[in-house]
N, C-alpha and C. Protein backbone atom coordinates (compact mmCIF):
# COMPACT_ATOMS: atom_id res chain seq x y z
N UNK A 1 37.86 126.37 156.86
CA UNK A 1 38.81 126.49 155.76
C UNK A 1 39.84 125.36 155.83
N UNK A 2 40.27 124.93 154.66
CA UNK A 2 41.29 123.90 154.54
C UNK A 2 42.43 124.45 153.71
N UNK A 3 43.65 124.27 154.19
CA UNK A 3 44.83 124.65 153.43
C UNK A 3 45.37 123.42 152.72
N UNK A 4 45.51 123.53 151.40
CA UNK A 4 46.05 122.44 150.59
C UNK A 4 47.38 122.89 150.01
N UNK A 5 48.39 122.08 150.20
CA UNK A 5 49.71 122.32 149.62
C UNK A 5 49.89 121.21 148.59
N UNK A 6 49.88 121.60 147.31
CA UNK A 6 49.78 120.63 146.22
C UNK A 6 51.04 120.63 145.36
N UNK A 7 51.34 119.44 144.82
CA UNK A 7 52.44 119.31 143.86
C UNK A 7 51.92 118.51 142.68
N UNK A 8 51.93 119.15 141.51
CA UNK A 8 51.53 118.52 140.26
C UNK A 8 52.77 118.18 139.46
N UNK A 9 52.63 117.35 138.45
CA UNK A 9 53.77 116.99 137.60
C UNK A 9 54.30 118.22 136.87
N UNK A 10 53.39 119.09 136.41
CA UNK A 10 53.80 120.28 135.67
C UNK A 10 52.65 121.28 135.67
N UNK A 11 52.88 122.42 135.06
CA UNK A 11 51.88 123.50 135.03
C UNK A 11 50.61 123.07 134.32
N UNK A 12 50.73 122.32 133.25
CA UNK A 12 49.56 121.89 132.48
C UNK A 12 48.64 121.01 133.33
N UNK A 13 49.23 120.07 134.08
CA UNK A 13 48.42 119.21 134.94
C UNK A 13 47.69 120.04 136.01
N UNK A 14 48.38 121.02 136.57
CA UNK A 14 47.77 121.89 137.59
C UNK A 14 46.60 122.65 137.00
N UNK A 15 46.77 123.22 135.83
CA UNK A 15 45.73 124.03 135.21
C UNK A 15 44.45 123.24 134.97
N UNK A 16 44.59 121.98 134.60
CA UNK A 16 43.42 121.13 134.34
C UNK A 16 42.56 121.01 135.60
N UNK A 17 43.20 120.93 136.77
CA UNK A 17 42.48 120.74 138.03
C UNK A 17 42.06 122.05 138.71
N UNK A 18 42.72 123.15 138.39
CA UNK A 18 42.51 124.38 139.14
C UNK A 18 41.78 125.49 138.39
N UNK A 19 41.58 125.30 137.09
CA UNK A 19 40.96 126.35 136.29
C UNK A 19 39.85 125.79 135.41
N UNK A 20 38.88 126.65 135.13
CA UNK A 20 37.88 126.37 134.10
C UNK A 20 38.35 127.08 132.84
N UNK A 21 38.17 126.44 131.70
CA UNK A 21 38.59 127.01 130.42
C UNK A 21 37.35 127.48 129.67
N UNK A 22 37.35 128.75 129.29
CA UNK A 22 36.24 129.28 128.50
C UNK A 22 36.83 130.02 127.30
N UNK A 23 36.07 130.03 126.22
CA UNK A 23 36.52 130.74 125.03
C UNK A 23 35.92 132.14 125.03
N UNK A 24 36.79 133.13 124.90
CA UNK A 24 36.37 134.53 124.86
C UNK A 24 37.01 135.16 123.63
N UNK A 25 36.18 135.59 122.70
CA UNK A 25 36.65 136.21 121.46
C UNK A 25 37.71 135.35 120.74
N UNK A 26 37.48 134.05 120.72
CA UNK A 26 38.36 133.15 120.00
C UNK A 26 39.61 132.73 120.75
N UNK A 27 39.78 133.19 121.98
CA UNK A 27 40.96 132.82 122.78
C UNK A 27 40.50 132.13 124.06
N UNK A 28 41.29 131.17 124.51
CA UNK A 28 40.98 130.49 125.77
C UNK A 28 41.30 131.38 126.95
N UNK A 29 40.38 131.43 127.88
CA UNK A 29 40.58 132.20 129.11
C UNK A 29 40.53 131.24 130.29
N UNK A 30 41.48 131.39 131.22
CA UNK A 30 41.51 130.56 132.42
C UNK A 30 40.80 131.31 133.55
N UNK A 31 39.83 130.65 134.16
CA UNK A 31 39.13 131.21 135.31
C UNK A 31 39.39 130.30 136.50
N UNK A 32 39.98 130.84 137.58
CA UNK A 32 40.27 129.99 138.73
C UNK A 32 39.01 129.38 139.33
N UNK A 33 39.09 128.10 139.68
CA UNK A 33 37.99 127.42 140.35
C UNK A 33 37.94 127.78 141.84
N UNK A 34 39.08 128.19 142.38
CA UNK A 34 39.18 128.47 143.81
C UNK A 34 39.65 129.91 144.01
N UNK A 35 39.01 130.61 144.92
CA UNK A 35 39.30 132.03 145.15
C UNK A 35 40.74 132.25 145.62
N UNK A 36 41.20 131.47 146.57
CA UNK A 36 42.53 131.66 147.15
C UNK A 36 43.51 130.65 146.57
N UNK A 37 44.10 131.00 145.44
CA UNK A 37 45.07 130.15 144.75
C UNK A 37 46.41 130.86 144.72
N UNK A 38 47.43 130.21 145.23
CA UNK A 38 48.78 130.77 145.28
C UNK A 38 49.70 129.85 144.47
N UNK A 39 50.03 130.27 143.25
CA UNK A 39 50.88 129.45 142.38
C UNK A 39 52.35 129.76 142.69
N UNK A 40 53.08 128.75 143.15
CA UNK A 40 54.49 128.90 143.44
C UNK A 40 55.34 128.47 142.26
N UNK A 41 54.83 127.50 141.48
CA UNK A 41 55.58 127.01 140.33
C UNK A 41 56.70 126.09 140.77
N UNK A 42 57.85 126.23 140.15
CA UNK A 42 59.00 125.41 140.49
C UNK A 42 59.69 125.96 141.73
N UNK A 43 59.97 125.10 142.68
CA UNK A 43 60.72 125.47 143.88
C UNK A 43 62.16 124.98 143.74
N UNK A 44 63.07 125.64 144.41
CA UNK A 44 64.50 125.31 144.30
C UNK A 44 65.12 125.13 145.67
N UNK A 45 66.07 124.20 145.78
CA UNK A 45 66.95 124.08 146.94
C UNK A 45 68.22 124.85 146.66
N UNK A 46 68.76 125.49 147.68
CA UNK A 46 70.09 126.11 147.57
C UNK A 46 71.06 125.06 148.10
N UNK A 47 71.96 124.60 147.22
CA UNK A 47 72.81 123.45 147.55
C UNK A 47 74.17 123.80 148.12
N UNK A 48 74.41 125.07 148.41
CA UNK A 48 75.68 125.42 149.04
C UNK A 48 75.49 126.68 149.87
N UNK A 49 76.51 127.09 150.57
CA UNK A 49 76.39 128.25 151.45
C UNK A 49 77.22 129.43 150.96
N UNK A 50 77.71 129.37 149.74
CA UNK A 50 78.52 130.46 149.19
C UNK A 50 77.58 131.52 148.59
N UNK A 51 77.40 132.67 149.27
CA UNK A 51 76.46 133.68 148.74
C UNK A 51 76.91 134.29 147.42
N UNK A 52 78.19 134.20 147.11
CA UNK A 52 78.70 134.74 145.85
C UNK A 52 78.36 133.84 144.66
N UNK A 53 78.27 132.55 144.90
CA UNK A 53 78.03 131.57 143.83
C UNK A 53 77.03 130.50 144.28
N UNK A 54 75.79 130.89 144.52
CA UNK A 54 74.83 129.87 144.97
C UNK A 54 74.54 128.86 143.87
N UNK A 55 74.27 127.64 144.29
CA UNK A 55 73.90 126.58 143.37
C UNK A 55 72.46 126.18 143.69
N UNK A 56 71.60 126.28 142.69
CA UNK A 56 70.18 125.98 142.87
C UNK A 56 69.84 124.69 142.14
N UNK A 57 69.08 123.83 142.82
CA UNK A 57 68.60 122.60 142.23
C UNK A 57 67.07 122.61 142.28
N UNK A 58 66.40 122.46 141.14
CA UNK A 58 64.93 122.48 141.16
C UNK A 58 64.36 121.23 141.83
N UNK A 59 63.28 121.43 142.57
CA UNK A 59 62.54 120.31 143.14
C UNK A 59 61.55 119.80 142.10
N UNK A 60 61.19 118.55 142.20
CA UNK A 60 60.23 117.97 141.27
C UNK A 60 58.87 118.65 141.40
N UNK A 61 58.20 118.83 140.28
CA UNK A 61 56.82 119.24 140.27
C UNK A 61 56.56 120.72 140.15
N UNK A 62 55.26 121.03 140.07
CA UNK A 62 54.72 122.39 139.97
C UNK A 62 53.87 122.60 141.22
N UNK A 63 54.23 123.56 142.05
CA UNK A 63 53.65 123.71 143.38
C UNK A 63 52.60 124.81 143.43
N UNK A 64 51.47 124.48 144.09
CA UNK A 64 50.35 125.42 144.23
C UNK A 64 49.78 125.25 145.64
N UNK A 65 49.48 126.38 146.29
CA UNK A 65 48.81 126.36 147.58
C UNK A 65 47.38 126.86 147.39
N UNK A 66 46.44 126.20 148.08
CA UNK A 66 45.04 126.62 148.04
C UNK A 66 44.53 126.79 149.47
N UNK A 67 43.70 127.78 149.68
CA UNK A 67 42.93 127.89 150.92
C UNK A 67 41.47 127.83 150.48
N UNK A 68 40.79 126.76 150.90
CA UNK A 68 39.46 126.49 150.36
C UNK A 68 38.49 126.05 151.45
N UNK A 69 37.21 126.13 151.12
CA UNK A 69 36.16 125.50 151.92
C UNK A 69 35.94 124.13 151.29
N UNK A 70 34.97 124.06 150.38
CA UNK A 70 34.74 122.82 149.64
C UNK A 70 35.69 122.75 148.46
N UNK A 71 36.17 121.54 148.16
CA UNK A 71 37.06 121.37 147.02
C UNK A 71 36.86 119.98 146.44
N UNK A 72 37.32 119.80 145.22
CA UNK A 72 37.23 118.51 144.54
C UNK A 72 38.15 117.52 145.25
N UNK A 73 37.63 116.43 145.79
CA UNK A 73 38.46 115.45 146.50
C UNK A 73 39.57 114.85 145.64
N UNK A 74 39.47 114.99 144.32
CA UNK A 74 40.54 114.50 143.43
C UNK A 74 41.84 115.23 143.71
N UNK A 75 41.78 116.45 144.28
CA UNK A 75 43.00 117.19 144.61
C UNK A 75 43.81 116.53 145.71
N UNK A 76 43.18 115.69 146.52
CA UNK A 76 43.91 115.00 147.59
C UNK A 76 45.06 114.16 147.04
N UNK A 77 44.94 113.70 145.82
CA UNK A 77 46.01 112.90 145.20
C UNK A 77 47.27 113.72 144.96
N UNK A 78 47.16 115.05 144.98
CA UNK A 78 48.30 115.93 144.69
C UNK A 78 48.86 116.60 145.95
N UNK A 79 48.31 116.27 147.11
CA UNK A 79 48.80 116.88 148.35
C UNK A 79 50.26 116.48 148.59
N UNK A 80 51.04 117.45 149.07
CA UNK A 80 52.45 117.18 149.37
C UNK A 80 52.48 116.19 150.54
N UNK A 81 53.12 115.05 150.31
CA UNK A 81 53.19 114.01 151.32
C UNK A 81 54.51 113.27 151.17
N UNK A 82 55.35 113.22 152.17
CA UNK A 82 55.11 113.79 153.49
C UNK A 82 55.30 115.30 153.47
N UNK A 83 54.62 115.94 154.41
CA UNK A 83 54.75 117.39 154.51
C UNK A 83 56.15 117.75 155.01
N UNK A 84 56.73 118.82 154.48
CA UNK A 84 58.06 119.23 154.94
C UNK A 84 58.02 119.78 156.36
N UNK A 85 59.16 119.74 157.03
CA UNK A 85 59.24 120.31 158.38
C UNK A 85 59.10 121.82 158.35
N UNK A 86 59.62 122.46 157.29
CA UNK A 86 59.53 123.90 157.12
C UNK A 86 58.97 124.18 155.73
N UNK A 87 57.85 124.89 155.69
CA UNK A 87 57.23 125.23 154.41
C UNK A 87 57.94 126.41 153.78
N UNK A 88 58.01 126.45 152.45
CA UNK A 88 58.59 127.58 151.72
C UNK A 88 57.68 128.80 151.80
N UNK A 89 56.38 128.57 151.61
CA UNK A 89 55.40 129.64 151.67
C UNK A 89 54.08 129.01 152.09
N UNK A 90 53.40 129.66 153.02
CA UNK A 90 52.15 129.11 153.52
C UNK A 90 51.16 130.21 153.84
N UNK A 91 49.89 129.82 154.03
CA UNK A 91 48.85 130.78 154.39
C UNK A 91 49.00 131.14 155.84
N UNK A 92 48.76 132.41 156.15
CA UNK A 92 48.78 132.87 157.55
C UNK A 92 47.39 133.22 158.00
């Protein structure tokens, strides 16, 4: 198994790489290409230590974690690099 921690420009870019699109009864249906897909979306930094008035700053990108066997090597272009010292959420 390989754990991939990915950052795309936005949700639309992620969906193109992570889902197959099929039409069902006239509506588009998204089918995941990978069984273990964990969509985190936008991540935020807490920019102060005041619990009464926290200040959140969004990080760039749309974040998705995958646990996969075989995967499309094109996903390597979206791997988080450099990897953070402490992950927000990871596979155990």
